[in-house]
Protein backbone atom coordinates (compact mmCIF):
# COMPACT_ATOMS: atom_id res chain seq x y z
CA UNK A 1 -3.43 -4.12 10.65
CA UNK A 2 -0.48 -6.21 11.75
CA UNK A 3 3.00 -4.73 11.60
CA UNK A 4 4.39 -7.89 9.98
CA UNK A 5 2.60 -7.16 6.72
CA UNK A 6 4.63 -6.33 3.64
CA UNK A 7 4.34 -3.09 1.70
CA UNK A 8 5.07 -2.61 -1.98
CA UNK A 9 7.89 -0.11 -2.57
CA UNK A 10 6.32 0.87 -5.90
CA UNK A 11 2.64 1.54 -5.12
CA UNK A 12 2.69 1.45 -1.26
CA UNK A 13 -0.15 -1.11 -1.07
CA UNK A 14 -0.17 -3.13 2.18
CA UNK A 15 0.03 -6.87 1.33
CA UNK A 16 -0.22 -10.05 3.42
CA UNK A 17 2.93 -11.17 5.25
CA UNK A 18 3.31 -14.25 3.02
CA UNK A 19 3.00 -12.36 -0.28
CA UNK A 20 5.83 -12.72 -2.78
CA UNK A 21 4.54 -10.05 -5.17
CA UNK A 22 2.25 -7.05 -4.82
CA UNK A 23 -1.41 -7.91 -5.40
CA UNK A 24 -1.93 -4.57 -7.17
CA UNK A 25 1.09 -3.90 -9.39
CA UNK A 26 2.81 -7.34 -9.34
CA UNK A 27 6.12 -5.84 -8.15
CA UNK A 28 8.37 -8.17 -6.18
CA UNK A 29 9.90 -5.24 -4.27
CA UNK A 30 8.19 -5.68 -0.89
CA UNK A 31 9.43 -4.48 2.49
CA UNK A 32 8.63 -4.77 6.20
CA UNK A 33 10.13 -1.30 6.80
CA UNK A 34 7.15 1.05 6.66
CA UNK A 35 5.21 3.39 8.93
CA UNK A 36 1.60 4.57 9.07
CA UNK A 37 -1.19 3.67 6.72
CA UNK A 38 -4.41 5.01 5.29
CA UNK A 39 -7.43 3.03 4.11
CA UNK A 40 -8.91 4.41 0.92
CA UNK A 41 -12.44 3.26 0.14
CA UNK A 42 -13.41 5.61 -2.70
CA UNK A 43 -10.26 6.80 -4.48
CA UNK A 44 -12.21 8.70 -7.11
CA UNK A 45 -13.65 10.96 -4.38
CA UNK A 46 -10.56 11.22 -2.16
CA UNK A 47 -8.13 14.14 -2.12
CA UNK A 48 -5.61 11.94 -0.30
CA UNK A 49 -5.89 9.28 -3.01
CA UNK A 50 -5.33 11.94 -5.66
CA UNK A 51 -2.24 13.21 -3.82
CA UNK A 52 -0.89 9.65 -3.43
CA UNK A 53 -1.84 8.78 -7.04
CA UNK A 54 -4.00 5.86 -5.84
CA UNK A 55 -6.71 4.57 -8.18
CA UNK A 56 -7.78 1.35 -6.40
CA UNK A 57 -9.40 0.96 -2.96
CA UNK A 58 -7.20 -0.57 -0.26
CA UNK A 59 -4.76 0.07 2.59
CA UNK A 60 -1.68 2.08 1.66
CA UNK A 61 1.46 2.84 3.67
CA UNK A 62 2.31 6.49 4.21
CA UNK A 63 6.07 6.04 4.57
CA UNK A 64 8.04 3.24 2.92
CA UNK A 65 11.77 2.81 3.43
C-alpha cells in the first residue's frame, strides 16, 4: 500500500492517489495525512470492523489527521 494514497476523513477508507471523492461514501474530504491501516475482508465477522463501524470490505486507515 503506497503512502501517497488518499484517505477519507469521514469513513477512513484508503482511496487511490488520484481520487477526488471517496469511493465508499462519496465525501470529498480526502487527506494524505494518515498512519497505519487494516484490511478488512469479512466485516460481518470482524470485531475490529465492528469497533471501527465498518460494513464494507476494504483497506481502512487507523489514524487520520
